[in-house]
Amino acid sequence: SKFVNDKWMIKNGFLNDVQEHKPWWWNIKVQKLNLSAPLILLPEVSCQKAIEILQEKGYDQAPVVAESGLILGMVTLSNTLSSVLAGNVEFSDPVTKVIYDQFSKIGLEDSLGKLSCILEKDHFAIVVHEQMQFNGNGSSFMKQMVFGVVTAMDLLTFVSRNDKK
């Protein structure tokens, strides 16, 4: 059951830390990973253009974000190429036809321990930062900004470069 699974509880913010023998990096914040700014695609970008952009810029994946700031999902080069080659989508189709809309988000202030739990099941997490915005009539709302995309390789690189043992 999810409710007695500590990793699920950590991933969903119900537990902060449950490991008795935590590694040295467990409580370090995600912001310490020094992630580079992500390449972001708008939903109307075609599959062909997405492939070209990802290859040209040297990225394997990119978040797809609506102009409103809503994070729609993640597009990967391999999924886009395989979908086109299999005939499931056309080069001219919008990238929204090949996005992964099941993804985990993590904040800059969250711990690498929480990130580690997410990456045990997911290939990546989208790092977000919440920002309060005000509209013309003075009402406010929280907007999530994509700060980066983090993979297990990013975590492993950080741990190996900064190993305290």
N, C-alpha and C. Protein backbone atom coordinates (compact mmCIF):
# COMPACT_ATOMS: atom_id res chain seq x y z
N SER A 1 0.84 -1.19 0.00
CA SER A 1 0.00 0.00 0.00
C SER A 1 0.88 1.24 0.00
N LYS A 2 0.45 2.27 -0.73
CA LYS A 2 1.19 3.52 -0.79
C LYS A 2 1.33 4.16 0.58
N PHE A 3 0.33 3.98 1.43
CA PHE A 3 0.30 4.71 2.69
C PHE A 3 1.26 4.17 3.72
N VAL A 4 1.82 2.99 3.50
CA VAL A 4 2.83 2.48 4.42
C VAL A 4 4.18 2.38 3.74
N ASN A 5 4.28 2.88 2.53
CA ASN A 5 5.52 2.88 1.78
C ASN A 5 6.25 4.19 2.05
N ASP A 6 7.37 4.11 2.76
CA ASP A 6 8.10 5.32 3.14
C ASP A 6 8.56 6.13 1.94
N LYS A 7 8.99 5.46 0.87
CA LYS A 7 9.47 6.18 -0.31
C LYS A 7 8.34 6.97 -0.96
N TRP A 8 7.14 6.39 -1.01
CA TRP A 8 5.99 7.11 -1.55
C TRP A 8 5.66 8.31 -0.66
N MET A 9 5.74 8.09 0.66
CA MET A 9 5.43 9.16 1.61
C MET A 9 6.43 10.32 1.47
N ILE A 10 7.72 10.02 1.27
CA ILE A 10 8.73 11.07 1.08
C ILE A 10 8.49 11.80 -0.23
N LYS A 11 8.28 11.03 -1.31
CA LYS A 11 8.08 11.62 -2.64
C LYS A 11 6.90 12.58 -2.65
N ASN A 12 5.87 12.27 -1.89
CA ASN A 12 4.66 13.07 -1.88
C ASN A 12 4.59 14.06 -0.72
N GLY A 13 5.72 14.23 -0.02
CA GLY A 13 5.82 15.28 0.97
C GLY A 13 5.20 14.98 2.33
N PHE A 14 4.89 13.72 2.61
CA PHE A 14 4.29 13.38 3.91
C PHE A 14 5.32 13.05 4.97
N LEU A 15 6.51 12.66 4.56
CA LEU A 15 7.62 12.39 5.48
C LEU A 15 8.83 13.17 5.01
N ASN A 16 9.62 13.66 5.95
CA ASN A 16 10.82 14.40 5.57
C ASN A 16 12.03 13.50 5.42
N ASP A 17 12.30 12.69 6.41
CA ASP A 17 13.38 11.74 6.23
C ASP A 17 13.14 10.53 7.11
N VAL A 18 13.38 9.38 6.53
CA VAL A 18 13.11 8.15 7.24
C VAL A 18 14.35 7.25 7.32
N GLN A 19 15.39 7.62 6.62
CA GLN A 19 16.59 6.80 6.65
C GLN A 19 17.35 7.04 7.95
N GLU A 20 17.68 5.96 8.64
CA GLU A 20 18.43 6.11 9.88
C GLU A 20 19.89 6.44 9.60
N HIS A 21 20.44 5.85 8.58
CA HIS A 21 21.86 6.07 8.23
C HIS A 21 21.90 6.78 6.89
N LYS A 22 21.62 8.07 6.93
CA LYS A 22 21.56 8.86 5.71
C LYS A 22 22.97 9.14 5.19
N PRO A 23 23.13 9.15 3.86
CA PRO A 23 24.42 9.57 3.31
C PRO A 23 24.64 11.06 3.57
N TRP A 24 25.86 11.52 3.46
CA TRP A 24 26.22 12.90 3.78
C TRP A 24 25.43 13.92 2.98
N TRP A 25 24.98 13.55 1.78
CA TRP A 25 24.32 14.49 0.88
C TRP A 25 22.80 14.52 1.06
N TRP A 26 22.24 13.67 1.89
CA TRP A 26 20.79 13.46 1.98
C TRP A 26 20.00 14.75 2.21
N ASN A 27 20.48 15.63 3.10
CA ASN A 27 19.73 16.84 3.45
C ASN A 27 20.15 18.09 2.68
N ILE A 28 21.07 17.95 1.74
CA ILE A 28 21.49 19.08 0.92
C ILE A 28 20.35 19.46 -0.02
N LYS A 29 20.17 20.73 -0.26
CA LYS A 29 19.07 21.21 -1.10
C LYS A 29 19.37 21.02 -2.60
N VAL A 30 18.32 20.79 -3.36
CA VAL A 30 18.41 20.58 -4.81
C VAL A 30 19.14 21.74 -5.49
N GLN A 31 18.98 22.96 -4.98
CA GLN A 31 19.62 24.12 -5.62
C GLN A 31 21.14 24.00 -5.67
N LYS A 32 21.73 23.17 -4.83
CA LYS A 32 23.19 22.99 -4.81
C LYS A 32 23.70 22.20 -6.02
N LEU A 33 22.79 21.61 -6.80
CA LEU A 33 23.21 20.85 -7.97
C LEU A 33 23.73 21.75 -9.09
N ASN A 34 23.48 23.05 -9.00
CA ASN A 34 23.92 24.00 -10.03
C ASN A 34 23.51 23.55 -11.43
N LEU A 35 22.21 23.34 -11.60
CA LEU A 35 21.67 22.89 -12.88
C LEU A 35 21.71 24.03 -13.89
N SER A 36 21.91 23.67 -15.14
CA SER A 36 21.87 24.69 -16.19
C SER A 36 20.40 24.95 -16.56
N ALA A 37 20.14 26.14 -17.06
CA ALA A 37 18.78 26.51 -17.45
C ALA A 37 18.30 25.54 -18.54
N PRO A 38 17.06 25.11 -18.43
CA PRO A 38 16.57 24.13 -19.41
C PRO A 38 16.18 24.78 -20.73
N LEU A 39 16.17 23.96 -21.74
CA LEU A 39 15.62 24.34 -23.03
C LEU A 39 14.12 24.06 -22.90
N ILE A 40 13.28 25.02 -23.22
CA ILE A 40 11.83 24.84 -23.07
C ILE A 40 11.18 24.96 -24.44
N LEU A 41 10.26 24.04 -24.71
CA LEU A 41 9.52 24.07 -25.96
C LEU A 41 8.08 24.48 -25.69
N LEU A 42 7.52 25.27 -26.60
CA LEU A 42 6.10 25.62 -26.53
C LEU A 42 5.30 24.51 -27.18
N PRO A 43 4.03 24.34 -26.81
CA PRO A 43 3.25 23.20 -27.29
C PRO A 43 3.02 23.16 -28.80
N GLU A 44 3.10 24.31 -29.48
CA GLU A 44 2.84 24.30 -30.92
C GLU A 44 4.06 23.90 -31.75
N VAL A 45 5.22 23.70 -31.13
CA VAL A 45 6.41 23.27 -31.87
C VAL A 45 6.13 21.91 -32.51
N SER A 46 6.49 21.75 -33.77
CA SER A 46 6.26 20.48 -34.46
C SER A 46 7.27 19.43 -34.00
N CYS A 47 6.92 18.18 -34.21
CA CYS A 47 7.84 17.08 -33.85
C CYS A 47 9.16 17.23 -34.60
N GLN A 48 9.09 17.59 -35.88
CA GLN A 48 10.32 17.76 -36.66
C GLN A 48 11.19 18.86 -36.08
N LYS A 49 10.57 19.99 -35.75
CA LYS A 49 11.34 21.11 -35.20
C LYS A 49 11.91 20.75 -33.83
N ALA A 50 11.14 20.01 -33.04
CA ALA A 50 11.62 19.57 -31.72
C ALA A 50 12.86 18.69 -31.86
N ILE A 51 12.82 17.77 -32.80
CA ILE A 51 13.98 16.88 -33.05
C ILE A 51 15.18 17.73 -33.46
N GLU A 52 14.98 18.65 -34.38
CA GLU A 52 16.08 19.52 -34.85
C GLU A 52 16.67 20.33 -33.70
N ILE A 53 15.79 20.93 -32.89
CA ILE A 53 16.26 21.78 -31.79
C ILE A 53 17.03 20.95 -30.77
N LEU A 54 16.47 19.81 -30.38
CA LEU A 54 17.14 18.97 -29.38
C LEU A 54 18.51 18.50 -29.88
N GLN A 55 18.57 18.07 -31.15
CA GLN A 55 19.85 17.62 -31.70
C GLN A 55 20.84 18.76 -31.81
N GLU A 56 20.39 19.90 -32.31
CA GLU A 56 21.28 21.06 -32.49
C GLU A 56 21.84 21.56 -31.16
N LYS A 57 21.01 21.57 -30.14
CA LYS A 57 21.42 22.10 -28.83
C LYS A 57 22.05 21.04 -27.93
N GLY A 58 22.01 19.76 -28.36
CA GLY A 58 22.65 18.70 -27.59
C GLY A 58 21.86 18.26 -26.36
N TYR A 59 20.54 18.35 -26.43
CA TYR A 59 19.68 17.92 -25.33
C TYR A 59 18.99 16.60 -25.68
N ASP A 60 18.74 15.78 -24.65
CA ASP A 60 17.98 14.55 -24.85
C ASP A 60 16.50 14.77 -24.57
N GLN A 61 16.20 15.80 -23.79
CA GLN A 61 14.82 16.03 -23.37
C GLN A 61 14.61 17.50 -23.07
N ALA A 62 13.33 17.89 -23.08
CA ALA A 62 12.99 19.28 -22.76
C ALA A 62 11.56 19.34 -22.25
N PRO A 63 11.32 20.21 -21.28
CA PRO A 63 9.94 20.41 -20.82
C PRO A 63 9.13 21.14 -21.90
N VAL A 64 7.85 20.81 -21.96
CA VAL A 64 6.93 21.53 -22.84
C VAL A 64 6.04 22.37 -21.91
N VAL A 65 6.11 23.69 -22.12
CA VAL A 65 5.44 24.62 -21.22
C VAL A 65 4.57 25.56 -22.05
N ALA A 66 3.30 25.69 -21.65
CA ALA A 66 2.39 26.62 -22.32
C ALA A 66 2.83 28.05 -22.03
N GLU A 67 2.41 28.98 -22.86
CA GLU A 67 2.78 30.39 -22.65
C GLU A 67 2.29 30.91 -21.30
N SER A 68 1.23 30.30 -20.77
CA SER A 68 0.71 30.69 -19.46
C SER A 68 1.65 30.25 -18.33
N GLY A 69 2.60 29.38 -18.66
CA GLY A 69 3.52 28.87 -17.65
C GLY A 69 3.17 27.47 -17.18
N LEU A 70 2.01 26.94 -17.60
CA LEU A 70 1.59 25.60 -17.21
C LEU A 70 2.54 24.57 -17.81
N ILE A 71 3.08 23.70 -16.96
CA ILE A 71 3.99 22.65 -17.43
C ILE A 71 3.14 21.50 -17.96
N LEU A 72 3.23 21.23 -19.24
CA LEU A 72 2.41 20.21 -19.89
C LEU A 72 3.04 18.83 -19.84
N GLY A 73 4.36 18.77 -19.83
CA GLY A 73 5.04 17.48 -19.81
C GLY A 73 6.46 17.60 -20.31
N MET A 74 6.99 16.45 -20.66
CA MET A 74 8.39 16.38 -21.09
C MET A 74 8.44 15.66 -22.43
N VAL A 75 9.23 16.20 -23.34
CA VAL A 75 9.45 15.54 -24.62
C VAL A 75 10.88 15.02 -24.62
N THR A 76 11.04 13.79 -25.12
CA THR A 76 12.39 13.24 -25.23
C THR A 76 12.70 12.98 -26.70
N LEU A 77 13.96 13.10 -27.02
CA LEU A 77 14.40 12.88 -28.40
C LEU A 77 14.08 11.46 -28.84
N SER A 78 14.38 10.47 -27.98
CA SER A 78 14.17 9.08 -28.38
C SER A 78 12.69 8.76 -28.58
N ASN A 79 11.82 9.25 -27.72
CA ASN A 79 10.39 8.98 -27.87
C ASN A 79 9.83 9.67 -29.11
N THR A 80 10.28 10.88 -29.38
CA THR A 80 9.81 11.59 -30.55
C THR A 80 10.24 10.88 -31.83
N LEU A 81 11.52 10.51 -31.89
CA LEU A 81 12.02 9.80 -33.07
C LEU A 81 11.31 8.46 -33.27
N SER A 82 11.16 7.68 -32.21
CA SER A 82 10.53 6.38 -32.35
C SER A 82 9.05 6.50 -32.71
N SER A 83 8.37 7.52 -32.20
CA SER A 83 6.96 7.73 -32.54
C SER A 83 6.79 8.09 -34.02
N VAL A 84 7.69 8.93 -34.52
CA VAL A 84 7.64 9.31 -35.94
C VAL A 84 7.97 8.11 -36.81
N LEU A 85 9.03 7.39 -36.47
CA LEU A 85 9.45 6.24 -37.28
C LEU A 85 8.42 5.11 -37.28
N ALA A 86 7.69 4.96 -36.17
CA ALA A 86 6.66 3.93 -36.08
C ALA A 86 5.37 4.35 -36.79
N GLY A 87 5.30 5.61 -37.21
CA GLY A 87 4.12 6.09 -37.90
C GLY A 87 2.99 6.51 -36.96
N ASN A 88 3.27 6.61 -35.68
CA ASN A 88 2.25 7.03 -34.72
C ASN A 88 1.97 8.52 -34.78
N VAL A 89 2.96 9.30 -35.20
CA VAL A 89 2.79 10.74 -35.39
C VAL A 89 3.52 11.15 -36.66
N GLU A 90 3.14 12.30 -37.17
CA GLU A 90 3.79 12.86 -38.35
C GLU A 90 4.82 13.91 -37.91
N PHE A 91 5.79 14.17 -38.74
CA PHE A 91 6.78 15.22 -38.44
C PHE A 91 6.09 16.55 -38.17
N SER A 92 4.97 16.78 -38.86
CA SER A 92 4.28 18.07 -38.75
C SER A 92 3.38 18.17 -37.52
N ASP A 93 3.13 17.06 -36.82
CA ASP A 93 2.28 17.09 -35.63
C ASP A 93 2.92 17.90 -34.51
N PRO A 94 2.09 18.53 -33.67
CA PRO A 94 2.67 19.27 -32.53
C PRO A 94 3.32 18.32 -31.54
N VAL A 95 4.31 18.81 -30.86
CA VAL A 95 5.09 18.01 -29.92
C VAL A 95 4.22 17.48 -28.77
N THR A 96 3.06 18.09 -28.56
CA THR A 96 2.17 17.63 -27.48
C THR A 96 1.68 16.20 -27.72
N LYS A 97 1.78 15.71 -28.94
CA LYS A 97 1.36 14.33 -29.23
C LYS A 97 2.35 13.30 -28.72
N VAL A 98 3.57 13.73 -28.37
CA VAL A 98 4.59 12.77 -27.92
C VAL A 98 5.14 13.09 -26.53
N ILE A 99 4.46 13.96 -25.78
CA ILE A 99 4.99 14.31 -24.47
C ILE A 99 4.63 13.26 -23.42
N TYR A 100 5.51 13.16 -22.43
CA TYR A 100 5.21 12.40 -21.23
C TYR A 100 4.50 13.37 -20.29
N ASP A 101 3.23 13.07 -19.99
CA ASP A 101 2.52 13.99 -19.10
C ASP A 101 2.50 13.51 -17.66
N GLN A 102 3.13 12.37 -17.40
CA GLN A 102 3.31 11.88 -16.04
C GLN A 102 4.75 12.19 -15.65
N PHE A 103 4.93 13.14 -14.77
CA PHE A 103 6.28 13.52 -14.37
C PHE A 103 6.25 14.01 -12.94
N SER A 104 7.39 13.97 -12.31
CA SER A 104 7.50 14.46 -10.94
C SER A 104 8.14 15.83 -10.95
N LYS A 105 7.67 16.66 -10.00
CA LYS A 105 8.25 17.99 -9.82
C LYS A 105 8.92 18.02 -8.45
N ILE A 106 9.99 18.79 -8.38
CA ILE A 106 10.69 18.96 -7.11
C ILE A 106 11.12 20.42 -7.02
N GLY A 107 11.12 20.95 -5.82
CA GLY A 107 11.48 22.35 -5.62
C GLY A 107 12.95 22.52 -5.32
N LEU A 108 13.43 23.74 -5.50
CA LEU A 108 14.83 24.06 -5.22
C LEU A 108 15.17 23.85 -3.74
N GLU A 109 14.20 24.02 -2.88
CA GLU A 109 14.44 23.89 -1.44
C GLU A 109 14.28 22.46 -0.94
N ASP A 110 13.83 21.55 -1.80
CA ASP A 110 13.70 20.14 -1.40
C ASP A 110 15.07 19.51 -1.28
N SER A 111 15.13 18.40 -0.57
CA SER A 111 16.41 17.74 -0.31
C SER A 111 16.80 16.78 -1.43
N LEU A 112 18.10 16.50 -1.50
CA LEU A 112 18.58 15.51 -2.46
C LEU A 112 18.07 14.13 -2.08
N GLY A 113 17.76 13.93 -0.79
CA GLY A 113 17.16 12.67 -0.35
C GLY A 113 15.81 12.45 -0.99
N LYS A 114 14.99 13.50 -1.00
CA LYS A 114 13.68 13.41 -1.66
C LYS A 114 13.86 13.18 -3.15
N LEU A 115 14.81 13.88 -3.76
CA LEU A 115 15.11 13.70 -5.17
C LEU A 115 15.52 12.25 -5.45
N SER A 116 16.36 11.70 -4.60
CA SER A 116 16.82 10.33 -4.76
C SER A 116 15.64 9.35 -4.78
N CYS A 117 14.68 9.58 -3.90
CA CYS A 117 13.49 8.72 -3.86
C CYS A 117 12.67 8.83 -5.15
N ILE A 118 12.57 10.04 -5.69
CA ILE A 118 11.84 10.25 -6.95
C ILE A 118 12.55 9.53 -8.09
N LEU A 119 13.89 9.66 -8.13
CA LEU A 119 14.66 9.10 -9.24
C LEU A 119 14.77 7.58 -9.20
N GLU A 120 14.37 6.96 -8.10
CA GLU A 120 14.33 5.50 -8.06
C GLU A 120 13.25 4.96 -8.99
N LYS A 121 12.21 5.76 -9.23
CA LYS A 121 11.10 5.32 -10.09
C LYS A 121 11.04 6.08 -11.42
N ASP A 122 11.43 7.35 -11.40
CA ASP A 122 11.32 8.18 -12.60
C ASP A 122 12.71 8.43 -13.19
N HIS A 123 12.76 8.65 -14.50
CA HIS A 123 14.03 8.91 -15.18
C HIS A 123 14.51 10.34 -14.96
N PHE A 124 13.60 11.22 -14.59
CA PHE A 124 13.95 12.62 -14.41
C PHE A 124 12.92 13.27 -13.49
N ALA A 125 13.24 14.45 -13.01
CA ALA A 125 12.28 15.28 -12.29
C ALA A 125 12.43 16.70 -12.82
N ILE A 126 11.33 17.41 -12.88
CA ILE A 126 11.37 18.80 -13.31
C ILE A 126 11.51 19.66 -12.06
N VAL A 127 12.57 20.46 -12.03
CA VAL A 127 12.82 21.33 -10.88
C VAL A 127 12.04 22.62 -11.11
N VAL A 128 11.18 22.94 -10.15
CA VAL A 128 10.34 24.12 -10.28
C VAL A 128 10.60 25.10 -9.15
N HIS A 129 10.29 26.33 -9.42
CA HIS A 129 10.36 27.38 -8.41
C HIS A 129 9.03 28.11 -8.45
N GLU A 130 8.38 28.22 -7.30
CA GLU A 130 7.10 28.91 -7.25
C GLU A 130 7.33 30.40 -7.05
N GLN A 131 6.56 31.18 -7.79
CA GLN A 131 6.72 32.62 -7.76
C GLN A 131 5.32 33.25 -7.66
N MET A 132 5.16 34.19 -6.75
CA MET A 132 3.87 34.87 -6.63
C MET A 132 3.79 35.96 -7.70
N GLN A 133 2.68 35.96 -8.42
CA GLN A 133 2.47 36.97 -9.44
C GLN A 133 1.15 37.69 -9.16
N PHE A 134 1.11 38.95 -9.57
CA PHE A 134 -0.08 39.77 -9.37
C PHE A 134 -0.60 40.20 -10.73
N ASN A 135 -1.92 40.21 -10.87
CA ASN A 135 -2.49 40.70 -12.12
C ASN A 135 -2.98 42.14 -11.94
N GLY A 136 -3.59 42.71 -12.97
CA GLY A 136 -3.97 44.12 -12.98
C GLY A 136 -4.90 44.55 -11.86
N ASN A 137 -5.77 43.66 -11.40
CA ASN A 137 -6.70 44.05 -10.34
C ASN A 137 -6.14 43.81 -8.94
N GLY A 138 -4.87 43.42 -8.87
CA GLY A 138 -4.21 43.25 -7.57
C GLY A 138 -4.34 41.88 -6.95
N SER A 139 -5.07 40.97 -7.60
CA SER A 139 -5.15 39.62 -7.04
C SER A 139 -3.87 38.85 -7.40
N SER A 140 -3.51 37.94 -6.53
CA SER A 140 -2.25 37.21 -6.73
C SER A 140 -2.51 35.73 -6.97
N PHE A 141 -1.53 35.09 -7.56
CA PHE A 141 -1.57 33.65 -7.78
C PHE A 141 -0.14 33.14 -7.82
N MET A 142 0.01 31.85 -7.53
CA MET A 142 1.33 31.23 -7.57
C MET A 142 1.57 30.65 -8.95
N LYS A 143 2.71 30.93 -9.50
CA LYS A 143 3.08 30.42 -10.82
C LYS A 143 4.34 29.58 -10.67
N GLN A 144 4.34 28.41 -11.28
CA GLN A 144 5.53 27.57 -11.23
C GLN A 144 6.40 27.86 -12.44
N MET A 145 7.66 28.13 -12.18
CA MET A 145 8.63 28.37 -13.24
C MET A 145 9.55 27.14 -13.32
N VAL A 146 9.81 26.68 -14.53
CA VAL A 146 10.73 25.56 -14.70
C VAL A 146 12.14 26.08 -14.51
N PHE A 147 12.83 25.52 -13.53
CA PHE A 147 14.18 25.95 -13.23
C PHE A 147 15.21 25.01 -13.87
N GLY A 148 14.83 23.75 -14.07
CA GLY A 148 15.75 22.79 -14.65
C GLY A 148 15.13 21.41 -14.73
N VAL A 149 15.89 20.51 -15.30
CA VAL A 149 15.51 19.10 -15.36
C VAL A 149 16.67 18.35 -14.72
N VAL A 150 16.36 17.45 -13.80
CA VAL A 150 17.41 16.73 -13.09
C VAL A 150 17.23 15.23 -13.30
N THR A 151 18.35 14.55 -13.54
CA THR A 151 18.35 13.11 -13.75
C THR A 151 19.23 12.44 -12.69
N ALA A 152 19.18 11.13 -12.67
CA ALA A 152 20.03 10.38 -11.74
C ALA A 152 21.51 10.67 -12.01
N MET A 153 21.86 10.91 -13.26
CA MET A 153 23.25 11.21 -13.60
C MET A 153 23.69 12.54 -12.95
N ASP A 154 22.79 13.51 -12.90
CA ASP A 154 23.11 14.79 -12.24
C ASP A 154 23.39 14.56 -10.76
N LEU A 155 22.57 13.75 -10.12
CA LEU A 155 22.75 13.46 -8.69
C LEU A 155 24.04 12.68 -8.47
N LEU A 156 24.28 11.68 -9.29
CA LEU A 156 25.49 10.87 -9.16
C LEU A 156 26.75 11.72 -9.38
N THR A 157 26.71 12.60 -10.36
CA THR A 157 27.85 13.48 -10.63
C THR A 157 28.13 14.38 -9.43
N PHE A 158 27.07 14.96 -8.85
CA PHE A 158 27.23 15.82 -7.68
C PHE A 158 27.85 15.03 -6.52
N VAL A 159 27.32 13.85 -6.26
CA VAL A 159 27.80 13.04 -5.13
C VAL A 159 29.26 12.63 -5.35
N SER A 160 29.60 12.20 -6.55
CA SER A 160 30.97 11.73 -6.80
C SER A 160 31.99 12.87 -6.77
N ARG A 161 31.60 14.07 -7.21
CA ARG A 161 32.52 15.21 -7.21
C ARG A 161 32.71 15.79 -5.81
N ASN A 162 31.73 15.59 -4.96
CA ASN A 162 31.77 16.22 -3.64
C ASN A 162 31.81 15.20 -2.52
N ASP A 163 32.19 13.98 -2.83
CA ASP A 163 32.16 12.90 -1.82
C ASP A 163 32.95 13.29 -0.59
N LYS A 164 32.29 13.23 0.56
CA LYS A 164 32.90 13.64 1.82
C LYS A 164 33.57 12.49 2.57
N LYS A 165 33.46 11.30 2.03
CA LYS A 165 33.99 10.14 2.75
C LYS A 165 35.47 9.95 2.52
